[in-house]
């Protein structure tokens, strides 16, 4: 066999071994907590999320709504980076009041990731951003699917083999603008003045 041909063949074999043998980072899926209606729900495209409770999302009357799920690792992967974080979103127009928050932590004894999503209830308990998250709120809820957390799944060599995106989508509460309140107030004053004039 000619030396040039042998060298080319060896280079090609090495390139194939490296390409096939190294795990490729791929997006595994998305988990979205939906708070767009009267009840919470979870959308999962990973196929690896399971309910910790049944149903996954429940309402605790006069307190809050909560979803509790576990995300299992893809085959051959683990999550070995320390967890224990909370991501909080504030009410629009009230940057210090927490509306929704997500707790992310490693399940004890398992290689799965636990997600707990909380949403405030009308007339329920009120929490400040500082009460639910050490770093405060990351911003207001805006009605879009906001990326709250990214789960990087790694193999035993520490190479990332898959990525799961955790999103939060909440409806935006109707907060009256100052101009609307001023218009309402002047209308009430006009009605009161008309009634006084009719009496006289």
N, C-alpha and C. Protein backbone atom coordinates (compact mmCIF):
# COMPACT_ATOMS: atom_id res chain seq x y z
N UNK A 1 0.86 -1.16 0.00
CA UNK A 1 0.00 0.00 0.00
C UNK A 1 0.91 1.23 0.00
N UNK A 2 0.54 2.22 -0.78
CA UNK A 2 1.37 3.41 -0.89
C UNK A 2 1.28 4.23 0.40
N UNK A 3 2.38 4.88 0.80
CA UNK A 3 2.38 5.66 2.04
C UNK A 3 1.37 6.79 2.04
N UNK A 4 1.19 7.46 0.92
CA UNK A 4 0.24 8.59 0.87
C UNK A 4 -1.17 8.07 1.05
N UNK A 5 -1.52 6.97 0.36
CA UNK A 5 -2.85 6.38 0.47
C UNK A 5 -3.10 5.89 1.91
N UNK A 6 -2.08 5.22 2.51
CA UNK A 6 -2.21 4.71 3.87
C UNK A 6 -2.42 5.88 4.85
N UNK A 7 -1.68 6.98 4.67
CA UNK A 7 -1.82 8.14 5.56
C UNK A 7 -3.21 8.75 5.41
N UNK A 8 -3.72 8.84 4.19
CA UNK A 8 -5.06 9.40 3.96
C UNK A 8 -6.13 8.51 4.59
N UNK A 9 -5.96 7.21 4.45
CA UNK A 9 -6.91 6.27 5.04
C UNK A 9 -6.91 6.36 6.57
N UNK A 10 -5.71 6.47 7.15
CA UNK A 10 -5.59 6.60 8.60
C UNK A 10 -6.23 7.89 9.09
N UNK A 11 -6.01 8.98 8.37
CA UNK A 11 -6.61 10.26 8.74
C UNK A 11 -8.12 10.19 8.66
N UNK A 12 -8.65 9.58 7.61
CA UNK A 12 -10.10 9.44 7.45
C UNK A 12 -10.69 8.58 8.57
N UNK A 13 -10.05 7.46 8.91
CA UNK A 13 -10.53 6.59 9.99
C UNK A 13 -10.52 7.33 11.33
N UNK A 14 -9.48 8.10 11.58
CA UNK A 14 -9.39 8.87 12.83
C UNK A 14 -10.50 9.93 12.90
N UNK A 15 -10.74 10.61 11.76
CA UNK A 15 -11.78 11.63 11.72
C UNK A 15 -13.15 11.01 11.98
N UNK A 16 -13.43 9.84 11.40
CA UNK A 16 -14.71 9.15 11.64
C UNK A 16 -14.85 8.73 13.09
N UNK A 17 -13.78 8.22 13.68
CA UNK A 17 -13.82 7.79 15.08
C UNK A 17 -14.11 8.97 16.00
N UNK A 18 -13.46 10.09 15.75
CA UNK A 18 -13.68 11.27 16.58
C UNK A 18 -15.10 11.78 16.40
N UNK A 19 -15.58 11.84 15.14
CA UNK A 19 -16.92 12.37 14.88
C UNK A 19 -18.01 11.49 15.48
N UNK A 20 -17.90 10.18 15.31
CA UNK A 20 -18.92 9.26 15.82
C UNK A 20 -18.79 9.06 17.33
N UNK A 21 -17.58 9.06 17.84
CA UNK A 21 -17.36 8.73 19.24
C UNK A 21 -17.65 9.84 20.22
N UNK A 22 -17.69 11.09 19.78
CA UNK A 22 -17.94 12.21 20.69
C UNK A 22 -19.43 12.51 20.72
N UNK A 23 -20.05 12.50 21.90
CA UNK A 23 -21.48 12.80 21.98
C UNK A 23 -21.75 14.22 21.49
N UNK A 24 -22.80 14.38 20.72
CA UNK A 24 -23.14 15.69 20.19
C UNK A 24 -24.17 16.35 21.10
N UNK A 25 -23.99 17.64 21.37
CA UNK A 25 -24.93 18.40 22.18
C UNK A 25 -26.19 18.64 21.35
N UNK A 26 -27.32 18.23 21.87
CA UNK A 26 -28.57 18.44 21.14
C UNK A 26 -29.61 18.99 22.10
N UNK A 27 -30.55 19.72 21.53
CA UNK A 27 -31.63 20.25 22.33
C UNK A 27 -32.64 19.13 22.53
N UNK A 28 -32.84 18.74 23.78
CA UNK A 28 -33.70 17.59 24.07
C UNK A 28 -35.18 17.96 24.12
N UNK A 29 -35.49 19.19 24.53
CA UNK A 29 -36.89 19.56 24.59
C UNK A 29 -37.16 20.74 25.49
N UNK A 30 -38.44 21.04 25.63
CA UNK A 30 -38.88 22.21 26.40
C UNK A 30 -39.98 21.79 27.37
N UNK A 31 -39.91 22.34 28.58
CA UNK A 31 -40.96 22.16 29.58
C UNK A 31 -41.50 23.56 29.86
N UNK A 32 -42.80 23.76 29.62
CA UNK A 32 -43.39 25.08 29.80
C UNK A 32 -44.50 25.02 30.84
N UNK A 33 -44.40 25.87 31.85
CA UNK A 33 -45.47 26.03 32.84
C UNK A 33 -46.39 27.13 32.33
N UNK A 34 -47.67 26.76 32.07
CA UNK A 34 -48.63 27.69 31.50
C UNK A 34 -49.58 28.21 32.59
N UNK A 35 -49.59 29.52 32.74
CA UNK A 35 -50.50 30.17 33.69
C UNK A 35 -51.32 31.20 32.93
N UNK A 36 -51.95 30.75 31.83
CA UNK A 36 -52.67 31.67 30.96
C UNK A 36 -54.17 31.68 31.21
N UNK A 37 -54.67 30.75 31.96
CA UNK A 37 -56.10 30.68 32.20
C UNK A 37 -56.40 30.61 33.68
N UNK A 38 -57.49 29.94 34.00
CA UNK A 38 -57.90 29.82 35.40
C UNK A 38 -57.10 28.77 36.15
N UNK A 39 -56.49 27.82 35.44
CA UNK A 39 -55.72 26.77 36.11
C UNK A 39 -54.35 26.63 35.47
N UNK A 40 -53.39 26.16 36.26
CA UNK A 40 -52.04 25.92 35.76
C UNK A 40 -51.99 24.63 34.96
N UNK A 41 -51.06 24.56 34.01
CA UNK A 41 -50.81 23.33 33.28
C UNK A 41 -49.34 23.28 32.88
N UNK A 42 -48.90 22.08 32.47
CA UNK A 42 -47.51 21.88 32.05
C UNK A 42 -47.52 21.28 30.65
N UNK A 43 -46.69 21.83 29.76
CA UNK A 43 -46.48 21.27 28.43
C UNK A 43 -45.06 20.73 28.40
N UNK A 44 -44.91 19.46 27.97
CA UNK A 44 -43.61 18.80 27.97
C UNK A 44 -43.32 18.23 26.59
N UNK A 45 -42.20 18.67 25.97
CA UNK A 45 -41.79 18.09 24.70
C UNK A 45 -40.58 17.16 24.87
N UNK A 46 -40.09 17.00 26.12
CA UNK A 46 -38.94 16.11 26.35
C UNK A 46 -39.36 14.65 26.37
N UNK A 47 -40.60 14.39 26.80
CA UNK A 47 -41.06 13.01 26.98
C UNK A 47 -40.50 12.37 28.24
N UNK A 48 -39.81 13.17 29.07
CA UNK A 48 -39.17 12.64 30.29
C UNK A 48 -39.67 13.31 31.56
N UNK A 49 -40.69 14.14 31.48
CA UNK A 49 -41.23 14.79 32.68
C UNK A 49 -42.35 13.93 33.24
N UNK A 50 -42.34 13.76 34.55
CA UNK A 50 -43.39 12.97 35.19
C UNK A 50 -43.93 13.72 36.40
N UNK A 51 -45.18 13.45 36.69
CA UNK A 51 -45.82 14.11 37.83
C UNK A 51 -45.27 13.57 39.13
N UNK A 52 -44.99 14.49 40.06
CA UNK A 52 -44.61 14.06 41.41
C UNK A 52 -45.87 13.82 42.23
N UNK A 53 -46.89 14.62 41.95
CA UNK A 53 -48.19 14.43 42.59
C UNK A 53 -49.22 14.20 41.48
N UNK A 54 -50.39 13.76 41.84
CA UNK A 54 -51.43 13.55 40.85
C UNK A 54 -52.68 14.32 41.27
N UNK A 55 -53.11 15.30 40.51
CA UNK A 55 -52.52 15.79 39.27
C UNK A 55 -51.24 16.58 39.54
N UNK A 56 -50.54 16.92 38.45
CA UNK A 56 -49.27 17.64 38.60
C UNK A 56 -49.47 19.04 39.16
N UNK A 57 -50.58 19.68 38.79
CA UNK A 57 -50.85 21.06 39.23
C UNK A 57 -52.11 21.07 40.08
N UNK A 58 -52.01 21.73 41.24
CA UNK A 58 -53.14 21.82 42.17
C UNK A 58 -53.29 23.25 42.67
N UNK A 59 -54.49 23.55 43.13
CA UNK A 59 -54.77 24.84 43.75
C UNK A 59 -54.92 24.64 45.25
N UNK A 60 -54.18 25.41 46.02
CA UNK A 60 -54.33 25.41 47.47
C UNK A 60 -55.18 26.63 47.81
N UNK A 61 -56.46 26.44 48.14
CA UNK A 61 -57.38 27.56 48.31
C UNK A 61 -56.85 28.63 49.26
N UNK A 62 -57.07 29.87 48.89
CA UNK A 62 -56.67 31.06 49.67
C UNK A 62 -55.16 31.20 49.81
N UNK A 63 -54.39 30.40 49.06
CA UNK A 63 -52.92 30.51 49.16
C UNK A 63 -52.30 30.73 47.78
N UNK A 64 -52.14 29.64 46.98
CA UNK A 64 -51.52 29.74 45.68
C UNK A 64 -51.80 28.48 44.88
N UNK A 65 -51.36 28.48 43.62
CA UNK A 65 -51.40 27.30 42.77
C UNK A 65 -49.97 26.77 42.66
N UNK A 66 -49.82 25.44 42.52
CA UNK A 66 -48.48 24.86 42.44
C UNK A 66 -48.47 23.67 41.49
N UNK A 67 -47.40 23.57 40.68
CA UNK A 67 -47.14 22.40 39.84
C UNK A 67 -45.86 21.75 40.33
N UNK A 68 -45.83 20.44 40.37
CA UNK A 68 -44.70 19.71 40.94
C UNK A 68 -44.34 18.56 40.00
N UNK A 69 -43.22 18.69 39.24
CA UNK A 69 -42.84 17.64 38.31
C UNK A 69 -41.36 17.28 38.46
N UNK A 70 -41.03 16.13 37.93
CA UNK A 70 -39.65 15.63 37.93
C UNK A 70 -39.25 15.40 36.47
N UNK A 71 -38.03 15.84 36.11
CA UNK A 71 -37.52 15.63 34.76
C UNK A 71 -36.42 14.58 34.83
N UNK A 72 -36.64 13.46 34.15
CA UNK A 72 -35.66 12.36 34.14
C UNK A 72 -34.58 12.64 33.10
N UNK A 73 -33.36 12.13 33.33
CA UNK A 73 -32.28 12.37 32.37
C UNK A 73 -32.46 11.56 31.10
N UNK A 74 -31.92 12.06 29.97
CA UNK A 74 -31.91 11.23 28.77
C UNK A 74 -30.98 10.05 28.98
N UNK A 75 -31.08 8.98 28.19
CA UNK A 75 -30.21 7.80 28.36
C UNK A 75 -28.73 8.17 28.33
N UNK A 76 -27.99 7.65 29.29
CA UNK A 76 -26.55 7.88 29.35
C UNK A 76 -26.13 9.22 29.89
N UNK A 77 -27.09 9.98 30.42
CA UNK A 77 -26.76 11.32 30.92
C UNK A 77 -27.14 11.45 32.39
N UNK A 78 -26.49 12.37 33.07
CA UNK A 78 -26.82 12.72 34.46
C UNK A 78 -26.77 14.24 34.57
N UNK A 79 -27.33 14.73 35.64
CA UNK A 79 -27.21 16.16 35.92
C UNK A 79 -26.37 16.26 37.18
N UNK A 80 -25.13 16.67 37.04
CA UNK A 80 -24.25 16.64 38.22
C UNK A 80 -23.79 18.02 38.66
N UNK A 81 -24.46 19.06 38.19
CA UNK A 81 -24.13 20.41 38.63
C UNK A 81 -25.07 20.76 39.78
N UNK A 82 -24.55 21.40 40.80
CA UNK A 82 -25.36 21.73 41.98
C UNK A 82 -26.56 22.58 41.64
N UNK A 83 -27.69 22.25 42.23
CA UNK A 83 -28.92 22.99 42.02
C UNK A 83 -29.43 23.52 43.34
N UNK A 84 -30.48 24.24 43.28
CA UNK A 84 -31.11 24.80 44.46
C UNK A 84 -31.31 26.27 44.24
N UNK A 85 -32.01 26.58 43.17
CA UNK A 85 -32.20 27.98 42.80
C UNK A 85 -33.68 28.28 42.65
N UNK A 86 -34.04 29.56 42.80
CA UNK A 86 -35.41 30.01 42.60
C UNK A 86 -35.40 31.18 41.63
N UNK A 87 -36.26 31.11 40.62
CA UNK A 87 -36.40 32.18 39.64
C UNK A 87 -37.79 32.76 39.84
N UNK A 88 -37.87 34.07 40.11
CA UNK A 88 -39.16 34.70 40.41
C UNK A 88 -39.47 35.80 39.39
N UNK A 89 -40.78 35.97 39.12
CA UNK A 89 -41.26 37.02 38.23
C UNK A 89 -42.24 37.90 39.01
N UNK A 90 -42.19 39.19 38.75
CA UNK A 90 -43.03 40.14 39.49
C UNK A 90 -44.31 40.45 38.70
N UNK A 91 -45.25 41.06 39.43
CA UNK A 91 -46.47 41.57 38.80
C UNK A 91 -46.10 42.76 37.94
N UNK A 92 -46.72 42.93 36.77
CA UNK A 92 -46.46 44.14 35.98
C UNK A 92 -46.90 45.37 36.78
N UNK A 93 -46.04 46.35 36.86
CA UNK A 93 -46.35 47.56 37.62
C UNK A 93 -46.05 47.47 39.10
N UNK A 94 -45.72 46.27 39.59
CA UNK A 94 -45.37 46.06 41.01
C UNK A 94 -44.08 45.25 41.08
N UNK A 95 -42.92 45.89 40.89
CA UNK A 95 -41.66 45.15 40.78
C UNK A 95 -41.21 44.43 42.05
N UNK A 96 -41.84 44.71 43.19
CA UNK A 96 -41.43 44.06 44.44
C UNK A 96 -42.35 42.92 44.85
N UNK A 97 -43.46 42.73 44.11
CA UNK A 97 -44.43 41.69 44.46
C UNK A 97 -44.25 40.51 43.52
N UNK A 98 -43.99 39.33 44.10
CA UNK A 98 -43.79 38.12 43.30
C UNK A 98 -45.14 37.60 42.81
N UNK A 99 -45.21 37.33 41.51
CA UNK A 99 -46.42 36.78 40.93
C UNK A 99 -46.27 35.27 40.70
N UNK A 100 -45.14 34.88 40.10
CA UNK A 100 -44.84 33.48 39.82
C UNK A 100 -43.39 33.20 40.18
N UNK A 101 -43.12 31.98 40.65
CA UNK A 101 -41.73 31.62 40.91
C UNK A 101 -41.53 30.13 40.71
N UNK A 102 -40.28 29.78 40.34
CA UNK A 102 -39.92 28.41 39.99
C UNK A 102 -38.76 27.97 40.87
N UNK A 103 -38.95 26.87 41.61
CA UNK A 103 -37.87 26.25 42.39
C UNK A 103 -37.29 25.11 41.58
N UNK A 104 -35.95 25.07 41.48
CA UNK A 104 -35.25 24.03 40.72
C UNK A 104 -34.25 23.37 41.65
N UNK A 105 -34.33 22.04 41.79
CA UNK A 105 -33.36 21.34 42.64
C UNK A 105 -33.21 19.90 42.20
N UNK A 106 -32.12 19.29 42.63
CA UNK A 106 -31.83 17.90 42.30
C UNK A 106 -32.62 17.01 43.24
N UNK A 107 -33.32 16.02 42.68
CA UNK A 107 -34.05 15.08 43.51
C UNK A 107 -33.07 14.28 44.36
N UNK A 108 -33.34 14.17 45.66
CA UNK A 108 -32.41 13.45 46.54
C UNK A 108 -32.34 11.98 46.16
N UNK A 109 -31.12 11.48 45.99
CA UNK A 109 -30.91 10.08 45.66
C UNK A 109 -31.14 9.74 44.20
N UNK A 110 -31.59 10.70 43.42
CA UNK A 110 -31.84 10.45 42.01
C UNK A 110 -31.00 11.39 41.17
N UNK A 111 -30.87 11.10 39.91
CA UNK A 111 -30.19 12.00 39.00
C UNK A 111 -31.18 12.86 38.22
N UNK A 112 -32.40 12.94 38.68
CA UNK A 112 -33.42 13.74 38.00
C UNK A 112 -33.48 15.14 38.61
N UNK A 113 -34.11 16.03 37.88
CA UNK A 113 -34.26 17.42 38.33
C UNK A 113 -35.72 17.66 38.70
N UNK A 114 -35.95 18.26 39.84
CA UNK A 114 -37.29 18.55 40.35
C UNK A 114 -37.64 20.00 40.08
N UNK A 115 -38.83 20.26 39.55
CA UNK A 115 -39.30 21.60 39.25
C UNK A 115 -40.60 21.84 40.01
N UNK A 116 -40.65 22.92 40.77
CA UNK A 116 -41.88 23.33 41.46
C UNK A 116 -42.20 24.74 41.01
N UNK A 117 -43.37 24.90 40.39
CA UNK A 117 -43.80 26.20 39.89
C UNK A 117 -44.96 26.70 40.73
N UNK A 118 -44.85 27.92 41.26
CA UNK A 118 -45.89 28.52 42.09
C UNK A 118 -46.46 29.74 41.39
N UNK A 119 -47.76 29.93 41.50
CA UNK A 119 -48.41 31.11 40.96
C UNK A 119 -49.36 31.68 42.00
N UNK A 120 -49.40 33.01 42.10
CA UNK A 120 -50.26 33.64 43.09
C UNK A 120 -51.73 33.48 42.69
N UNK A 121 -52.60 33.56 43.68
CA UNK A 121 -54.04 33.49 43.46
C UNK A 121 -54.66 34.85 43.77
N UNK A 122 -55.71 35.19 43.05
CA UNK A 122 -56.46 36.41 43.36
C UNK A 122 -57.01 36.29 44.77
N UNK A 123 -56.63 37.18 45.65
CA UNK A 123 -57.08 37.13 47.04
C UNK A 123 -56.32 36.14 47.90
N UNK A 124 -55.29 35.51 47.34
CA UNK A 124 -54.49 34.54 48.08
C UNK A 124 -53.33 35.21 48.81
N UNK A 125 -52.36 34.41 49.20
CA UNK A 125 -51.20 34.94 49.90
C UNK A 125 -50.37 35.82 48.98
N UNK A 126 -49.75 36.84 49.55
CA UNK A 126 -48.89 37.75 48.79
C UNK A 126 -47.47 37.61 49.30
N UNK A 127 -46.53 37.48 48.38
CA UNK A 127 -45.12 37.36 48.73
C UNK A 127 -44.33 38.43 47.99
N UNK A 128 -43.29 38.95 48.66
CA UNK A 128 -42.38 39.86 47.97
C UNK A 128 -41.36 39.03 47.20
N UNK A 129 -40.69 39.68 46.25
CA UNK A 129 -39.66 38.99 45.47
C UNK A 129 -38.56 38.47 46.39
N UNK A 130 -38.19 39.27 47.39
CA UNK A 130 -37.11 38.88 48.31
C UNK A 130 -37.51 37.69 49.17
N UNK A 131 -38.80 37.49 49.44
CA UNK A 131 -39.25 36.35 50.24
C UNK A 131 -39.12 35.03 49.50
N UNK A 132 -39.31 35.04 48.18
CA UNK A 132 -39.30 33.79 47.43
C UNK A 132 -37.98 33.52 46.72
N UNK A 133 -37.19 34.55 46.43
CA UNK A 133 -35.92 34.37 45.72
C UNK A 133 -34.86 35.28 46.32
N UNK A 134 -33.72 34.69 46.68
CA UNK A 134 -32.65 35.48 47.30
C UNK A 134 -32.18 36.62 46.42
N UNK A 135 -32.22 36.42 45.10
CA UNK A 135 -31.77 37.47 44.18
C UNK A 135 -32.90 38.39 43.73
N UNK A 136 -34.10 38.22 44.30
CA UNK A 136 -35.24 39.05 43.90
C UNK A 136 -35.84 38.55 42.59
N UNK A 137 -36.72 39.36 42.01
CA UNK A 137 -37.38 38.98 40.75
C UNK A 137 -36.50 39.33 39.56
N UNK A 138 -36.51 38.46 38.56
CA UNK A 138 -35.71 38.70 37.36
C UNK A 138 -36.38 39.69 36.42
N UNK A 139 -37.65 39.94 36.62
CA UNK A 139 -38.39 40.88 35.78
C UNK A 139 -39.88 40.59 35.88
N UNK A 140 -40.69 41.40 35.20
CA UNK A 140 -42.14 41.18 35.25
C UNK A 140 -42.58 40.07 34.31
N UNK A 141 -43.70 39.43 34.65
CA UNK A 141 -44.31 38.51 33.70
C UNK A 141 -44.86 39.35 32.56
N UNK A 142 -44.75 38.87 31.33
CA UNK A 142 -45.16 39.70 30.19
C UNK A 142 -46.09 38.98 29.21
N UNK A 143 -46.58 37.81 29.57
CA UNK A 143 -47.51 37.10 28.70
C UNK A 143 -46.86 36.20 27.67
N UNK A 144 -45.53 36.30 27.51
CA UNK A 144 -44.83 35.44 26.56
C UNK A 144 -44.18 34.28 27.31
N UNK A 145 -43.74 33.28 26.57
CA UNK A 145 -43.01 32.16 27.17
C UNK A 145 -41.58 32.64 27.45
N UNK A 146 -41.26 32.84 28.73
CA UNK A 146 -39.96 33.33 29.14
C UNK A 146 -39.09 32.17 29.61
N UNK A 147 -37.84 32.11 29.13
CA UNK A 147 -36.93 31.05 29.56
C UNK A 147 -36.48 31.34 30.99
N UNK A 148 -36.80 30.42 31.89
CA UNK A 148 -36.47 30.59 33.30
C UNK A 148 -35.19 29.86 33.67
N UNK A 149 -34.96 28.69 33.05
CA UNK A 149 -33.83 27.85 33.46
C UNK A 149 -33.45 26.92 32.32
N UNK A 150 -32.19 26.56 32.25
CA UNK A 150 -31.69 25.60 31.27
C UNK A 150 -31.06 24.42 32.01
N UNK A 151 -31.50 23.21 31.70
CA UNK A 151 -30.94 22.01 32.31
C UNK A 151 -29.92 21.42 31.33
N UNK A 152 -28.66 21.38 31.71
CA UNK A 152 -27.62 20.80 30.88
C UNK A 152 -27.35 19.38 31.36
N UNK A 153 -27.70 18.40 30.54
CA UNK A 153 -27.47 17.00 30.87
C UNK A 153 -26.09 16.61 30.36
N UNK A 154 -25.29 15.97 31.22
CA UNK A 154 -23.92 15.60 30.86
C UNK A 154 -23.71 14.10 30.97
N UNK A 155 -22.69 13.60 30.26
CA UNK A 155 -22.32 12.20 30.43
C UNK A 155 -21.30 12.10 31.56
N UNK A 156 -20.81 10.91 31.85
CA UNK A 156 -19.89 10.73 32.99
C UNK A 156 -18.56 11.45 32.78
N UNK A 157 -18.24 11.82 31.54
CA UNK A 157 -17.00 12.55 31.26
C UNK A 157 -17.19 14.06 31.40
N UNK A 158 -18.40 14.49 31.75
CA UNK A 158 -18.65 15.92 31.90
C UNK A 158 -18.97 16.64 30.61
N UNK A 159 -19.25 15.89 29.54
CA UNK A 159 -19.59 16.49 28.25
C UNK A 159 -21.11 16.64 28.17
N UNK A 160 -21.58 17.84 27.80
CA UNK A 160 -23.01 18.09 27.68
C UNK A 160 -23.56 17.34 26.47
N UNK A 161 -24.57 16.49 26.71
CA UNK A 161 -25.15 15.69 25.63
C UNK A 161 -26.56 16.14 25.26
N UNK A 162 -27.21 16.89 26.12
CA UNK A 162 -28.57 17.36 25.82
C UNK A 162 -28.87 18.59 26.68
N UNK A 163 -29.79 19.39 26.18
CA UNK A 163 -30.20 20.61 26.88
C UNK A 163 -31.72 20.67 26.93
N UNK A 164 -32.29 20.85 28.12
CA UNK A 164 -33.73 21.07 28.26
C UNK A 164 -33.96 22.51 28.68
N UNK A 165 -34.93 23.15 28.07
CA UNK A 165 -35.27 24.54 28.37
C UNK A 165 -36.54 24.53 29.23
N UNK A 166 -36.51 25.24 30.36
CA UNK A 166 -37.69 25.37 31.23
C UNK A 166 -38.23 26.79 31.05
N UNK A 167 -39.50 26.88 30.65
CA UNK A 167 -40.12 28.17 30.39
C UNK A 167 -41.31 28.41 31.30
N UNK A 168 -41.62 29.69 31.49
CA UNK A 168 -42.79 30.12 32.27
C UNK A 168 -43.59 31.07 31.39
N UNK A 169 -44.90 30.81 31.26
CA UNK A 169 -45.76 31.72 30.51
C UNK A 169 -46.97 32.06 31.35
N UNK A 170 -47.09 33.34 31.69
CA UNK A 170 -48.17 33.80 32.56
C UNK A 170 -48.97 34.89 31.88
N UNK A 171 -50.28 34.92 32.20
CA UNK A 171 -51.09 36.01 31.70
C UNK A 171 -50.70 37.29 32.44
N UNK A 172 -50.87 38.40 31.78
CA UNK A 172 -50.54 39.68 32.39
C UNK A 172 -51.80 40.22 33.04
N UNK A 173 -51.73 40.45 34.35
CA UNK A 173 -52.89 40.97 35.08
C UNK A 173 -53.22 42.36 34.59
N UNK A 174 -54.49 42.68 34.59
CA UNK A 174 -54.90 44.02 34.20
C UNK A 174 -54.66 44.97 35.36
N UNK A 175 -53.62 45.77 35.25
CA UNK A 175 -53.31 46.76 36.27
C UNK A 175 -53.75 48.11 35.73
N UNK A 176 -54.68 48.81 36.41
CA UNK A 176 -55.16 50.08 35.88
C UNK A 176 -54.02 51.09 35.77
N UNK A 177 -53.98 51.79 34.64
CA UNK A 177 -52.98 52.83 34.45
C UNK A 177 -53.43 54.07 35.21
N UNK A 178 -52.48 54.96 35.59
CA UNK A 178 -52.85 56.19 36.29
C UNK A 178 -53.83 57.05 35.49
N UNK A 179 -53.68 57.10 34.15
CA UNK A 179 -54.59 57.90 33.33
C UNK A 179 -56.02 57.35 33.40
N UNK A 180 -56.16 56.02 33.41
CA UNK A 180 -57.49 55.41 33.51
C UNK A 180 -58.13 55.73 34.86
N UNK A 181 -57.32 55.67 35.92
CA UNK A 181 -57.85 56.00 37.25
C UNK A 181 -58.27 57.46 37.33
N UNK A 182 -57.50 58.36 36.70
CA UNK A 182 -57.83 59.78 36.69
C UNK A 182 -59.14 60.01 35.95
N UNK A 183 -59.33 59.34 34.82
CA UNK A 183 -60.57 59.46 34.05
C UNK A 183 -61.76 58.94 34.85
N UNK A 184 -61.59 57.82 35.52
CA UNK A 184 -62.66 57.27 36.35
C UNK A 184 -63.00 58.22 37.49
N UNK A 185 -61.97 58.76 38.14
CA UNK A 185 -62.19 59.70 39.25
C UNK A 185 -62.91 60.95 38.81
N UNK A 186 -62.53 61.53 37.66
CA UNK A 186 -63.20 62.75 37.21
C UNK A 186 -64.64 62.46 36.81
N UNK A 187 -64.91 61.25 36.28
CA UNK A 187 -66.29 60.89 35.96
C UNK A 187 -67.15 60.78 37.22
N UNK A 188 -66.59 60.21 38.28
CA UNK A 188 -67.34 60.11 39.55
C UNK A 188 -67.60 61.49 40.15
N UNK A 189 -66.63 62.40 40.03
CA UNK A 189 -66.81 63.77 40.53
C UNK A 189 -67.91 64.46 39.75
N UNK A 190 -67.95 64.27 38.43
CA UNK A 190 -68.99 64.89 37.60
C UNK A 190 -70.36 64.36 37.97
N UNK A 191 -70.48 63.06 38.22
CA UNK A 191 -71.78 62.49 38.63
C UNK A 191 -72.21 63.05 39.97
N UNK A 192 -71.27 63.13 40.91
CA UNK A 192 -71.61 63.67 42.24
C UNK A 192 -72.05 65.13 42.13
N UNK A 193 -71.39 65.93 41.28
CA UNK A 193 -71.75 67.34 41.13
C UNK A 193 -73.14 67.47 40.51
N UNK A 194 -73.48 66.62 39.51
CA UNK A 194 -74.83 66.67 38.91
C UNK A 194 -75.90 66.35 39.94
N UNK A 195 -75.65 65.42 40.81
CA UNK A 195 -76.65 65.08 41.84
C UNK A 195 -76.85 66.23 42.81
N UNK A 196 -75.76 66.90 43.17
CA UNK A 196 -75.87 68.03 44.07
C UNK A 196 -76.67 69.18 43.43
N UNK A 197 -76.43 69.44 42.16
CA UNK A 197 -77.17 70.51 41.45
C UNK A 197 -78.64 70.18 41.34
N UNK A 198 -79.01 68.91 41.18
CA UNK A 198 -80.42 68.52 41.07
C UNK A 198 -81.15 68.72 42.38
N UNK A 199 -80.46 68.56 43.50
CA UNK A 199 -81.08 68.74 44.82
C UNK A 199 -81.38 70.20 45.10
N UNK A 200 -80.57 71.09 44.57
CA UNK A 200 -80.71 72.52 44.87
C UNK A 200 -81.74 73.17 44.02
